[in-house]
């Protein structure tokens, strides 16, 4: 199955991918590339952090092969991982970089599923001296940024049947206890507390209400398209795996 793993820079996609590949798997593992290869490409040992994406390069396109272990079978998810700078959405950039834009759109158009990573907005970040709230956009800016994703999904992802919206860095959100959230939301083949609709309703009502109308537009744009909301963090494996398990559960293995 073909999935596009996407989001603006500085949303935490690299850290999520490294953590997914590194820690012991519950139900999701990265088959290729191996963790050592990913880390060599994406982690700076001297700085003790993931390598910053070079702003001079317009897009990064990497491949991930992910295996999801479901109740009755294992599924492979073949993933195109793409970083997008803000300027890629400007018509002037698209006109100046037609080959890069065409490649980006072709990848999106051939994808059956989408995993989009977005950061939390400033108003829901907890008050903490160690957290610089100024590094996060305001809710109003967050909504405006989401508007362009709506256009992208409606016009450039015609084959997408399932979209997983991941509000990342959930550990920074005020009032969040990752362990408790995972106990409610975690996937267990035979004894989950919630089904996929219940998980989506719970997360949507708590965190995605500011883009309620935009999500409705995406859902209505294509027959059979489903959008599901998630929270993710590198500090909780159950939450980290959930969107991949969802995609593995519902996407066809024909692609």
C-alpha atoms as a PDB file:
ATOM      1  CA  UNK A   1       0.000   0.000   0.000  1.00  0.00           C
ATOM      2  CA  UNK A   2       1.253   3.506  -0.767  1.00  0.00           C
ATOM      3  CA  UNK A   3       1.313   6.179   1.939  1.00  0.00           C
ATOM      4  CA  UNK A   4       2.747   9.682   1.993  1.00  0.00           C
ATOM      5  CA  UNK A   5       4.293  10.804   5.315  1.00  0.00           C
ATOM      6  CA  UNK A   6       4.230  14.549   5.258  1.00  0.00           C
ATOM      7  CA  UNK A   7       4.252  17.837   7.142  1.00  0.00           C
ATOM      8  CA  UNK A   8       6.052  21.136   7.351  1.00  0.00           C
ATOM      9  CA  UNK A   9       9.570  21.240   8.715  1.00  0.00           C
ATOM     10  CA  UNK A  10      10.124  21.390  12.477  1.00  0.00           C
ATOM     11  CA  UNK A  11       6.995  19.374  13.263  1.00  0.00           C
ATOM     12  CA  UNK A  12       8.904  16.371  14.595  1.00  0.00           C
ATOM     13  CA  UNK A  13       8.581  13.903  11.711  1.00  0.00           C
ATOM     14  CA  UNK A  14      12.247  12.892  11.900  1.00  0.00           C
ATOM     15  CA  UNK A  15      12.124  12.224  15.651  1.00  0.00           C
ATOM     16  CA  UNK A  16       8.930  10.188  15.246  1.00  0.00           C
ATOM     17  CA  UNK A  17      10.470   8.061  12.483  1.00  0.00           C
ATOM     18  CA  UNK A  18      13.663   7.453  14.470  1.00  0.00           C
ATOM     19  CA  UNK A  19      11.715   6.502  17.577  1.00  0.00           C
ATOM     20  CA  UNK A  20       9.475   4.193  15.571  1.00  0.00           C
ATOM     21  CA  UNK A  21      12.556   2.434  14.189  1.00  0.00           C
ATOM     22  CA  UNK A  22      14.500   2.356  17.451  1.00  0.00           C
ATOM     23  CA  UNK A  23      12.289   1.191  20.283  1.00  0.00           C
ATOM     24  CA  UNK A  24      10.887  -2.266  20.795  1.00  0.00           C
ATOM     25  CA  UNK A  25       7.782  -2.686  18.694  1.00  0.00           C
ATOM     26  CA  UNK A  26       4.329  -3.367  20.034  1.00  0.00           C
ATOM     27  CA  UNK A  27       2.569  -3.707  16.677  1.00  0.00           C
ATOM     28  CA  UNK A  28       4.561  -1.450  14.309  1.00  0.00           C
ATOM     29  CA  UNK A  29       8.159  -1.732  13.125  1.00  0.00           C
ATOM     30  CA  UNK A  30      10.342  -0.090  10.498  1.00  0.00           C
ATOM     31  CA  UNK A  31      11.618  -2.822   8.200  1.00  0.00           C
ATOM     32  CA  UNK A  32      13.740  -0.563   6.003  1.00  0.00           C
ATOM     33  CA  UNK A  33      15.945   1.327   6.381  1.00  0.00           C
ATOM     34  CA  UNK A  34      17.368  -0.069   9.596  1.00  0.00           C
ATOM     35  CA  UNK A  35      17.631   2.194  12.638  1.00  0.00           C
ATOM     36  CA  UNK A  36      21.427   2.500  12.338  1.00  0.00           C
ATOM     37  CA  UNK A  37      21.091   3.745   8.759  1.00  0.00           C
ATOM     38  CA  UNK A  38      18.330   6.197   9.662  1.00  0.00           C
ATOM     39  CA  UNK A  39      20.277   7.522  12.619  1.00  0.00           C
ATOM     40  CA  UNK A  40      23.423   8.025  10.542  1.00  0.00           C
ATOM     41  CA  UNK A  41      21.404  10.078   8.057  1.00  0.00           C
ATOM     42  CA  UNK A  42      19.233  12.012  10.451  1.00  0.00           C
ATOM     43  CA  UNK A  43      20.912  12.394  13.844  1.00  0.00           C
ATOM     44  CA  UNK A  44      23.762  14.684  14.938  1.00  0.00           C
ATOM     45  CA  UNK A  45      25.598  13.007  17.843  1.00  0.00           C
ATOM     46  CA  UNK A  46      27.577  16.144  18.717  1.00  0.00           C
ATOM     47  CA  UNK A  47      24.446  18.253  19.085  1.00  0.00           C
ATOM     48  CA  UNK A  48      22.429  15.416  20.566  1.00  0.00           C
ATOM     49  CA  UNK A  49      19.456  16.043  18.292  1.00  0.00           C
ATOM     50  CA  UNK A  50      18.027  15.270  14.877  1.00  0.00           C
ATOM     51  CA  UNK A  51      19.677  17.029  11.974  1.00  0.00           C
ATOM     52  CA  UNK A  52      17.956  20.217  10.883  1.00  0.00           C
ATOM     53  CA  UNK A  53      16.512  20.073   7.396  1.00  0.00           C
ATOM     54  CA  UNK A  54      18.492  22.269   5.016  1.00  0.00           C
ATOM     55  CA  UNK A  55      16.273  25.181   4.037  1.00  0.00           C
ATOM     56  CA  UNK A  56      18.121  25.444   0.722  1.00  0.00           C
ATOM     57  CA  UNK A  57      16.698  22.130  -0.411  1.00  0.00           C
ATOM     58  CA  UNK A  58      13.086  22.532  -1.431  1.00  0.00           C
ATOM     59  CA  UNK A  59      11.887  19.019  -0.622  1.00  0.00           C
ATOM     60  CA  UNK A  60      13.306  15.889   0.915  1.00  0.00           C
ATOM     61  CA  UNK A  61      12.009  12.580  -0.332  1.00  0.00           C
ATOM     62  CA  UNK A  62      12.857   9.411   1.589  1.00  0.00           C
ATOM     63  CA  UNK A  63      11.414   5.915   1.667  1.00  0.00           C
ATOM     64  CA  UNK A  64      10.238   3.918   4.654  1.00  0.00           C
ATOM     65  CA  UNK A  65       8.947   0.370   4.684  1.00  0.00           C
ATOM     66  CA  UNK A  66       6.788  -0.196   7.753  1.00  0.00           C
ATOM     67  CA  UNK A  67       5.247  -3.427   8.955  1.00  0.00           C
ATOM     68  CA  UNK A  68       2.044  -3.478  10.991  1.00  0.00           C
ATOM     69  CA  UNK A  69       1.069  -6.590  12.927  1.00  0.00           C
ATOM     70  CA  UNK A  70      -2.704  -6.880  13.034  1.00  0.00           C
ATOM     71  CA  UNK A  71      -4.877  -9.501  14.688  1.00  0.00           C
ATOM     72  CA  UNK A  72      -5.018 -11.798  11.667  1.00  0.00           C
ATOM     73  CA  UNK A  73      -2.140 -10.708   9.444  1.00  0.00           C
ATOM     74  CA  UNK A  74       0.929  -8.564   8.885  1.00  0.00           C
ATOM     75  CA  UNK A  75       0.755  -5.652   6.470  1.00  0.00           C
ATOM     76  CA  UNK A  76       3.493  -3.714   4.735  1.00  0.00           C
ATOM     77  CA  UNK A  77       3.150   0.049   4.316  1.00  0.00           C
ATOM     78  CA  UNK A  78       5.401   1.536   1.635  1.00  0.00           C
ATOM     79  CA  UNK A  79       5.903   5.141   2.599  1.00  0.00           C
ATOM     80  CA  UNK A  80       7.156   8.246   0.802  1.00  0.00           C
ATOM     81  CA  UNK A  81       8.420  10.677   3.443  1.00  0.00           C
ATOM     82  CA  UNK A  82       8.426  14.282   2.233  1.00  0.00           C
ATOM     83  CA  UNK A  83       9.380  17.505   4.004  1.00  0.00           C
ATOM     84  CA  UNK A  84       7.737  20.626   2.644  1.00  0.00           C
ATOM     85  CA  UNK A  85       8.937  24.204   3.105  1.00  0.00           C
ATOM     86  CA  UNK A  86       6.254  26.880   3.379  1.00  0.00           C
ATOM     87  CA  UNK A  87       7.177  28.422   0.053  1.00  0.00           C
ATOM     88  CA  UNK A  88       6.241  25.263  -1.851  1.00  0.00           C
ATOM     89  CA  UNK A  89       2.591  26.365  -1.684  1.00  0.00           C
ATOM     90  CA  UNK A  90       3.245  29.684  -3.400  1.00  0.00           C
ATOM     91  CA  UNK A  91       2.416  29.835  -7.088  1.00  0.00           C
ATOM     92  CA  UNK A  92       5.661  31.754  -7.702  1.00  0.00           C
ATOM     93  CA  UNK A  93       7.700  28.876  -6.230  1.00  0.00           C
ATOM     94  CA  UNK A  94       5.757  26.286  -8.235  1.00  0.00           C
ATOM     95  CA  UNK A  95       6.368  28.233 -11.437  1.00  0.00           C
ATOM     96  CA  UNK A  96      10.084  28.555 -10.648  1.00  0.00           C
ATOM     97  CA  UNK A  97      10.444  24.885  -9.685  1.00  0.00           C
ATOM     98  CA  UNK A  98       8.125  23.018 -12.064  1.00  0.00           C
ATOM     99  CA  UNK A  99      10.002  19.685 -11.925  1.00  0.00           C
ATOM    100  CA  UNK A 100      10.069  19.566  -8.123  1.00  0.00           C
ATOM    101  CA  UNK A 101       6.427  20.600  -7.889  1.00  0.00           C
ATOM    102  CA  UNK A 102       5.377  18.022 -10.488  1.00  0.00           C
ATOM    103  CA  UNK A 103       7.253  15.246  -8.678  1.00  0.00           C
ATOM    104  CA  UNK A 104       5.669  16.268  -5.376  1.00  0.00           C
ATOM    105  CA  UNK A 105       2.161  16.262  -6.835  1.00  0.00           C
ATOM    106  CA  UNK A 106       2.692  12.943  -8.654  1.00  0.00           C
ATOM    107  CA  UNK A 107       3.759  11.294  -5.399  1.00  0.00           C
ATOM    108  CA  UNK A 108       0.711  12.701  -3.625  1.00  0.00           C
ATOM    109  CA  UNK A 109      -1.651  11.647  -6.406  1.00  0.00           C
ATOM    110  CA  UNK A 110      -0.442   8.046  -6.305  1.00  0.00           C
ATOM    111  CA  UNK A 111      -0.833   7.711  -2.530  1.00  0.00           C
ATOM    112  CA  UNK A 112      -3.664   5.686  -1.055  1.00  0.00           C
ATOM    113  CA  UNK A 113      -3.133   7.044   2.452  1.00  0.00           C
ATOM    114  CA  UNK A 114      -1.689  10.147   4.108  1.00  0.00           C
ATOM    115  CA  UNK A 115      -0.087  10.639   7.503  1.00  0.00           C
ATOM    116  CA  UNK A 116       0.172  14.371   8.185  1.00  0.00           C
ATOM    117  CA  UNK A 117       2.138  15.609  11.212  1.00  0.00           C
ATOM    118  CA  UNK A 118       1.227  19.025  12.619  1.00  0.00           C
ATOM    119  CA  UNK A 119       2.587  20.806  15.715  1.00  0.00           C
ATOM    120  CA  UNK A 120       0.453  21.967  18.652  1.00  0.00           C
ATOM    121  CA  UNK A 121      -0.562  25.628  18.684  1.00  0.00           C
ATOM    122  CA  UNK A 122       0.615  28.093  21.300  1.00  0.00           C
ATOM    123  CA  UNK A 123      -2.608  28.366  23.268  1.00  0.00           C
ATOM    124  CA  UNK A 124      -2.579  24.692  24.302  1.00  0.00           C
ATOM    125  CA  UNK A 125       1.110  24.502  25.250  1.00  0.00           C
ATOM    126  CA  UNK A 126       1.576  24.180  28.992  1.00  0.00           C
ATOM    127  CA  UNK A 127       3.189  27.038  30.905  1.00  0.00           C
ATOM    128  CA  UNK A 128       6.732  25.869  31.572  1.00  0.00           C
ATOM    129  CA  UNK A 129      10.001  27.795  31.785  1.00  0.00           C
ATOM    130  CA  UNK A 130      11.709  25.153  29.708  1.00  0.00           C
ATOM    131  CA  UNK A 131       9.225  25.502  26.845  1.00  0.00           C
ATOM    132  CA  UNK A 132       9.525  28.531  24.579  1.00  0.00           C
ATOM    133  CA  UNK A 133       5.933  29.196  23.561  1.00  0.00           C
ATOM    134  CA  UNK A 134       7.129  31.662  20.909  1.00  0.00           C
ATOM    135  CA  UNK A 135       8.436  28.699  18.912  1.00  0.00           C
ATOM    136  CA  UNK A 136       4.840  27.643  18.290  1.00  0.00           C
ATOM    137  CA  UNK A 137       2.343  29.417  16.053  1.00  0.00           C
ATOM    138  CA  UNK A 138      -0.856  30.861  17.462  1.00  0.00           C
ATOM    139  CA  UNK A 139      -4.154  29.085  16.987  1.00  0.00           C
ATOM    140  CA  UNK A 140      -5.124  31.603  14.309  1.00  0.00           C
ATOM    141  CA  UNK A 141      -1.897  30.976  12.400  1.00  0.00           C
ATOM    142  CA  UNK A 142      -2.321  27.215  12.880  1.00  0.00           C
ATOM    143  CA  UNK A 143      -5.790  27.354  11.330  1.00  0.00           C
ATOM    144  CA  UNK A 144      -4.516  29.391   8.385  1.00  0.00           C
ATOM    145  CA  UNK A 145      -1.752  26.858   7.782  1.00  0.00           C
ATOM    146  CA  UNK A 146      -4.302  24.080   7.890  1.00  0.00           C
ATOM    147  CA  UNK A 147      -6.293  25.796   5.136  1.00  0.00           C
ATOM    148  CA  UNK A 148      -3.549  25.024   2.627  1.00  0.00           C
ATOM    149  CA  UNK A 149      -3.563  21.356   3.634  1.00  0.00           C
ATOM    150  CA  UNK A 150      -7.282  21.344   2.870  1.00  0.00           C
ATOM    151  CA  UNK A 151      -6.548  22.512  -0.677  1.00  0.00           C
ATOM    152  CA  UNK A 152      -3.775  19.948  -0.982  1.00  0.00           C
ATOM    153  CA  UNK A 153      -6.016  17.077   0.086  1.00  0.00           C
ATOM    154  CA  UNK A 154      -8.929  18.195  -2.059  1.00  0.00           C
ATOM    155  CA  UNK A 155      -7.039  18.775  -5.287  1.00  0.00           C
ATOM    156  CA  UNK A 156      -3.718  16.905  -5.133  1.00  0.00           C
ATOM    157  CA  UNK A 157      -4.586  13.618  -3.356  1.00  0.00           C
ATOM    158  CA  UNK A 158      -7.447  12.207  -5.424  1.00  0.00           C
ATOM    159  CA  UNK A 159      -6.634   8.576  -4.599  1.00  0.00           C
ATOM    160  CA  UNK A 160      -6.263   8.999  -0.841  1.00  0.00           C
ATOM    161  CA  UNK A 161      -8.910   7.028   1.058  1.00  0.00           C
ATOM    162  CA  UNK A 162      -7.613   7.499   4.597  1.00  0.00           C
ATOM    163  CA  UNK A 163      -5.910  10.528   6.146  1.00  0.00           C
ATOM    164  CA  UNK A 164      -4.339  10.376   9.612  1.00  0.00           C
ATOM    165  CA  UNK A 165      -3.934  13.840  11.161  1.00  0.00           C
ATOM    166  CA  UNK A 166      -1.320  13.668  13.920  1.00  0.00           C
ATOM    167  CA  UNK A 167      -1.022  16.449  16.491  1.00  0.00           C
ATOM    168  CA  UNK A 168       2.568  15.835  17.515  1.00  0.00           C
ATOM    169  CA  UNK A 169       4.510  16.760  20.671  1.00  0.00           C
ATOM    170  CA  UNK A 170       1.505  15.882  22.795  1.00  0.00           C
ATOM    171  CA  UNK A 171       3.822  15.754  25.821  1.00  0.00           C
ATOM    172  CA  UNK A 172       3.991  19.571  25.670  1.00  0.00           C
ATOM    173  CA  UNK A 173       0.226  20.084  25.777  1.00  0.00           C
ATOM    174  CA  UNK A 174      -1.347  21.464  28.916  1.00  0.00           C
ATOM    175  CA  UNK A 175      -3.302  18.917  30.942  1.00  0.00           C
ATOM    176  CA  UNK A 176      -1.993  15.902  29.024  1.00  0.00           C
ATOM    177  CA  UNK A 177      -0.878  12.779  30.886  1.00  0.00           C
ATOM    178  CA  UNK A 178       0.573  10.568  28.150  1.00  0.00           C
ATOM    179  CA  UNK A 179       0.237   7.361  30.138  1.00  0.00           C
ATOM    180  CA  UNK A 180      -3.451   7.955  30.862  1.00  0.00           C
ATOM    181  CA  UNK A 181      -4.176   8.979  27.295  1.00  0.00           C
ATOM    182  CA  UNK A 182      -2.463   5.839  26.022  1.00  0.00           C
ATOM    183  CA  UNK A 183      -4.488   3.667  28.383  1.00  0.00           C
ATOM    184  CA  UNK A 184      -7.665   5.071  26.798  1.00  0.00           C
ATOM    185  CA  UNK A 185      -6.516   5.128  23.197  1.00  0.00           C
ATOM    186  CA  UNK A 186      -4.043   2.260  22.790  1.00  0.00           C
ATOM    187  CA  UNK A 187      -4.654  -0.543  20.326  1.00  0.00           C
ATOM    188  CA  UNK A 188      -5.080  -4.071  21.640  1.00  0.00           C
ATOM    189  CA  UNK A 189      -6.285  -6.680  19.137  1.00  0.00           C
ATOM    190  CA  UNK A 190      -8.846  -8.191  21.495  1.00  0.00           C
ATOM    191  CA  UNK A 191      -9.498  -5.684  24.282  1.00  0.00           C
ATOM    192  CA  UNK A 192      -9.187  -2.037  23.182  1.00  0.00           C
ATOM    193  CA  UNK A 193     -11.211   0.429  25.250  1.00  0.00           C
ATOM    194  CA  UNK A 194     -12.170   2.397  22.132  1.00  0.00           C
ATOM    195  CA  UNK A 195     -12.769   1.645  18.467  1.00  0.00           C
ATOM    196  CA  UNK A 196     -11.406   3.902  15.706  1.00  0.00           C
ATOM    197  CA  UNK A 197     -14.502   6.118  15.588  1.00  0.00           C
ATOM    198  CA  UNK A 198     -14.441   6.619  19.352  1.00  0.00           C
ATOM    199  CA  UNK A 199     -10.732   7.455  19.348  1.00  0.00           C
ATOM    200  CA  UNK A 200     -11.271   9.980  16.578  1.00  0.00           C
ATOM    201  CA  UNK A 201     -14.238  11.632  18.323  1.00  0.00           C
ATOM    202  CA  UNK A 202     -12.325  11.889  21.590  1.00  0.00           C
ATOM    203  CA  UNK A 203      -9.220  13.481  20.048  1.00  0.00           C
ATOM    204  CA  UNK A 204     -11.125  15.681  17.612  1.00  0.00           C
ATOM    205  CA  UNK A 205     -13.262  17.228  20.348  1.00  0.00           C
ATOM    206  CA  UNK A 206     -10.248  17.960  22.550  1.00  0.00           C
ATOM    207  CA  UNK A 207      -7.734  19.270  20.018  1.00  0.00           C
ATOM    208  CA  UNK A 208      -9.044  19.695  16.471  1.00  0.00           C
ATOM    209  CA  UNK A 209     -12.204  21.763  16.961  1.00  0.00           C
ATOM    210  CA  UNK A 210     -10.531  24.935  15.568  1.00  0.00           C
ATOM    211  CA  UNK A 211     -10.394  23.192  12.161  1.00  0.00           C
ATOM    212  CA  UNK A 212     -13.793  21.510  12.357  1.00  0.00           C
ATOM    213  CA  UNK A 213     -15.068  23.079   9.130  1.00  0.00           C
ATOM    214  CA  UNK A 214     -11.809  22.320   7.293  1.00  0.00           C
ATOM    215  CA  UNK A 215     -11.892  18.642   8.259  1.00  0.00           C
ATOM    216  CA  UNK A 216     -15.522  18.507   7.127  1.00  0.00           C
ATOM    217  CA  UNK A 217     -14.444  19.910   3.735  1.00  0.00           C
ATOM    218  CA  UNK A 218     -11.799  17.198   3.364  1.00  0.00           C
ATOM    219  CA  UNK A 219     -14.239  14.440   4.290  1.00  0.00           C
ATOM    220  CA  UNK A 220     -16.788  15.738   1.793  1.00  0.00           C
ATOM    221  CA  UNK A 221     -14.322  16.289  -1.056  1.00  0.00           C
ATOM    222  CA  UNK A 222     -13.949  12.668  -2.158  1.00  0.00           C
ATOM    223  CA  UNK A 223     -16.371   9.793  -1.938  1.00  0.00           C
ATOM    224  CA  UNK A 224     -15.143   7.187   0.519  1.00  0.00           C
ATOM    225  CA  UNK A 225     -12.452   9.425   2.028  1.00  0.00           C
ATOM    226  CA  UNK A 226     -12.038   9.253   5.819  1.00  0.00           C
ATOM    227  CA  UNK A 227     -10.062  11.622   8.073  1.00  0.00           C
ATOM    228  CA  UNK A 228      -9.002  10.443  11.531  1.00  0.00           C
ATOM    229  CA  UNK A 229      -7.345  12.502  14.281  1.00  0.00           C
ATOM    230  CA  UNK A 230      -4.475  11.334  16.513  1.00  0.00           C
ATOM    231  CA  UNK A 231      -2.038  12.680  19.085  1.00  0.00           C
ATOM    232  CA  UNK A 232       1.582  11.523  18.946  1.00  0.00           C
ATOM    233  CA  UNK A 233       4.737  11.838  21.010  1.00  0.00           C
ATOM    234  CA  UNK A 234       8.176  10.250  20.988  1.00  0.00           C
ATOM    235  CA  UNK A 235       7.649   9.559  24.686  1.00  0.00           C
ATOM    236  CA  UNK A 236       4.799   7.095  24.293  1.00  0.00           C
ATOM    237  CA  UNK A 237       4.994   4.050  22.030  1.00  0.00           C
ATOM    238  CA  UNK A 238       1.265   3.269  22.045  1.00  0.00           C
ATOM    239  CA  UNK A 239       0.336   6.749  20.808  1.00  0.00           C
ATOM    240  CA  UNK A 240       3.215   6.728  18.319  1.00  0.00           C
ATOM    241  CA  UNK A 241       2.028   3.502  16.703  1.00  0.00           C
ATOM    242  CA  UNK A 242      -1.698   4.270  16.537  1.00  0.00           C
ATOM    243  CA  UNK A 243      -1.880   6.159  13.199  1.00  0.00           C
ATOM    244  CA  UNK A 244       0.197   3.476  11.476  1.00  0.00           C
ATOM    245  CA  UNK A 245      -1.989   0.721  12.894  1.00  0.00           C
ATOM    246  CA  UNK A 246      -5.045   2.590  11.658  1.00  0.00           C
ATOM    247  CA  UNK A 247      -3.611   2.894   8.136  1.00  0.00           C
ATOM    248  CA  UNK A 248      -2.552  -0.749   8.172  1.00  0.00           C
ATOM    249  CA  UNK A 249      -6.030  -1.786   9.295  1.00  0.00           C
ATOM    250  CA  UNK A 250      -7.989   0.015   6.607  1.00  0.00           C
ATOM    251  CA  UNK A 251      -5.804   0.479   3.570  1.00  0.00           C
ATOM    252  CA  UNK A 252      -5.763  -2.114   0.856  1.00  0.00           C
ATOM    253  CA  UNK A 253      -2.571  -4.089   0.319  1.00  0.00           C
ATOM    254  CA  UNK A 254      -3.094  -3.966  -3.425  1.00  0.00           C
ATOM    255  CA  UNK A 255      -0.821  -0.977  -4.022  1.00  0.00           C
END
